[in-house]
C-alpha atoms as a PDB file:
ATOM      1  CA  MET A   1     182.970 217.675  63.657  1.00  0.00           C
ATOM      2  CA  ALA A   2     186.637 216.786  63.215  1.00  0.00           C
ATOM      3  CA  LYS A   3     187.661 214.920  60.105  1.00  0.00           C
ATOM      4  CA  GLN A   4     188.494 211.256  60.652  1.00  0.00           C
ATOM      5  CA  HIS A   5     191.636 209.913  59.001  1.00  0.00           C
ATOM      6  CA  ASP A   6     192.356 206.233  58.540  1.00  0.00           C
ATOM      7  CA  LYS A   7     195.472 204.545  59.833  1.00  0.00           C
ATOM      8  CA  GLN A   8     197.152 204.430  56.423  1.00  0.00           C
ATOM      9  CA  PHE A   9     196.730 208.181  55.927  1.00  0.00           C
ATOM     10  CA  LYS A  10     198.297 208.814  59.331  1.00  0.00           C
ATOM     11  CA  LEU A  11     201.245 206.540  58.585  1.00  0.00           C
ATOM     12  CA  ASP A  12     201.677 208.111  55.145  1.00  0.00           C
ATOM     13  CA  ALA A  13     201.614 211.585  56.697  1.00  0.00           C
ATOM     14  CA  ILE A  14     204.377 210.632  59.134  1.00  0.00           C
ATOM     15  CA  GLN A  15     206.405 209.118  56.302  1.00  0.00           C
ATOM     16  CA  TYR A  16     205.878 212.279  54.222  1.00  0.00           C
ATOM     17  CA  TYR A  17     207.354 214.305  57.072  1.00  0.00           C
ATOM     18  CA  GLU A  18     210.293 211.907  57.413  1.00  0.00           C
ATOM     19  CA  ASP A  19     210.966 212.233  53.668  1.00  0.00           C
ATOM     20  CA  HIS A  20     210.604 216.033  53.650  1.00  0.00           C
ATOM     21  CA  LYS A  21     212.018 217.208  56.976  1.00  0.00           C
ATOM     22  CA  GLU A  22     213.412 220.289  55.248  1.00  0.00           C
ATOM     23  CA  LEU A  23     209.811 221.576  55.085  1.00  0.00           C
ATOM     24  CA  GLY A  24     209.401 221.231  58.839  1.00  0.00           C
ATOM     25  CA  LEU A  25     206.354 219.892  60.639  1.00  0.00           C
ATOM     26  CA  ARG A  26     204.276 222.966  59.842  1.00  0.00           C
ATOM     27  CA  GLY A  27     205.103 222.885  56.148  1.00  0.00           C
ATOM     28  CA  CYS A  28     204.354 219.180  55.833  1.00  0.00           C
ATOM     29  CA  ALA A  29     201.112 219.474  57.783  1.00  0.00           C
ATOM     30  CA  ASN A  30     200.051 222.401  55.607  1.00  0.00           C
ATOM     31  CA  ASN A  31     200.853 220.467  52.407  1.00  0.00           C
ATOM     32  CA  LEU A  32     198.780 217.533  53.668  1.00  0.00           C
ATOM     33  CA  GLY A  33     195.845 219.717  54.714  1.00  0.00           C
ATOM     34  CA  ILE A  34     196.086 218.797  58.388  1.00  0.00           C
ATOM     35  CA  GLY A  35     196.954 220.780  61.475  1.00  0.00           C
ATOM     36  CA  TYR A  36     200.471 221.041  62.870  1.00  0.00           C
ATOM     37  CA  SER A  37     199.289 219.700  66.232  1.00  0.00           C
ATOM     38  CA  THR A  38     197.594 216.749  64.510  1.00  0.00           C
ATOM     39  CA  LEU A  39     200.783 215.646  62.772  1.00  0.00           C
ATOM     40  CA  THR A  40     202.741 216.183  65.981  1.00  0.00           C
ATOM     41  CA  LYS A  41     200.258 214.006  67.912  1.00  0.00           C
ATOM     42  CA  TRP A  42     200.433 211.195  65.345  1.00  0.00           C
ATOM     43  CA  ARG A  43     204.248 211.213  65.440  1.00  0.00           C
ATOM     44  CA  LYS A  44     204.186 211.049  69.244  1.00  0.00           C
ATOM     45  CA  GLU A  45     201.671 208.167  69.237  1.00  0.00           C
ATOM     46  CA  LEU A  46     203.818 206.191  66.821  1.00  0.00           C
ATOM     47  CA  ARG A  47     207.030 206.925  68.709  1.00  0.00           C
ATOM     48  CA  ASP A  48     205.562 206.135  72.147  1.00  0.00           C
ATOM     49  CA  SER A  49     203.495 203.046  71.378  1.00  0.00           C
ATOM     50  CA  GLY A  50     204.758 201.832  68.014  1.00  0.00           C
ATOM     51  CA  ASP A  51     201.257 202.151  66.578  1.00  0.00           C
ATOM     52  CA  ILE A  52     198.695 204.745  65.547  1.00  0.00           C
ATOM     53  CA  VAL A  53     195.336 205.139  67.261  1.00  0.00           C
ATOM     54  CA  VAL A  54     192.391 205.106  64.871  1.00  0.00           C
ATOM     55  CA  ARG A  55     189.161 206.548  66.162  1.00  0.00           C
ATOM     56  CA  PHE A  56     185.861 205.730  64.547  1.00  0.00           C
ATOM     57  CA  ALA A  57     183.017 208.189  64.358  1.00  0.00           C
ATOM     58  CA  THR A  58     179.881 207.297  66.232  1.00  0.00           C
ATOM     59  CA  ILE A  59     176.870 207.154  63.961  1.00  0.00           C
ATOM     60  CA  LYS A  60     173.638 208.210  65.564  1.00  0.00           C
ATOM     61  CA  PRO A  61     170.448 206.606  64.312  1.00  0.00           C
ATOM     62  CA  PRO A  62     167.909 209.001  62.739  1.00  0.00           C
END
């Protein structure tokens, strides 16, 4: 199952990239322990809609 990140983590990750562009998207994503495509998707969501989508995991009853 994919790891769920909260909205603040996503915003902080985007800010980290903005503050460290010299590392590139791949370098920043690697430093944060997330995938390059994940960071790219979050940046696109923020740029396109002005907000970040937060998905919640569905908990199945036992």
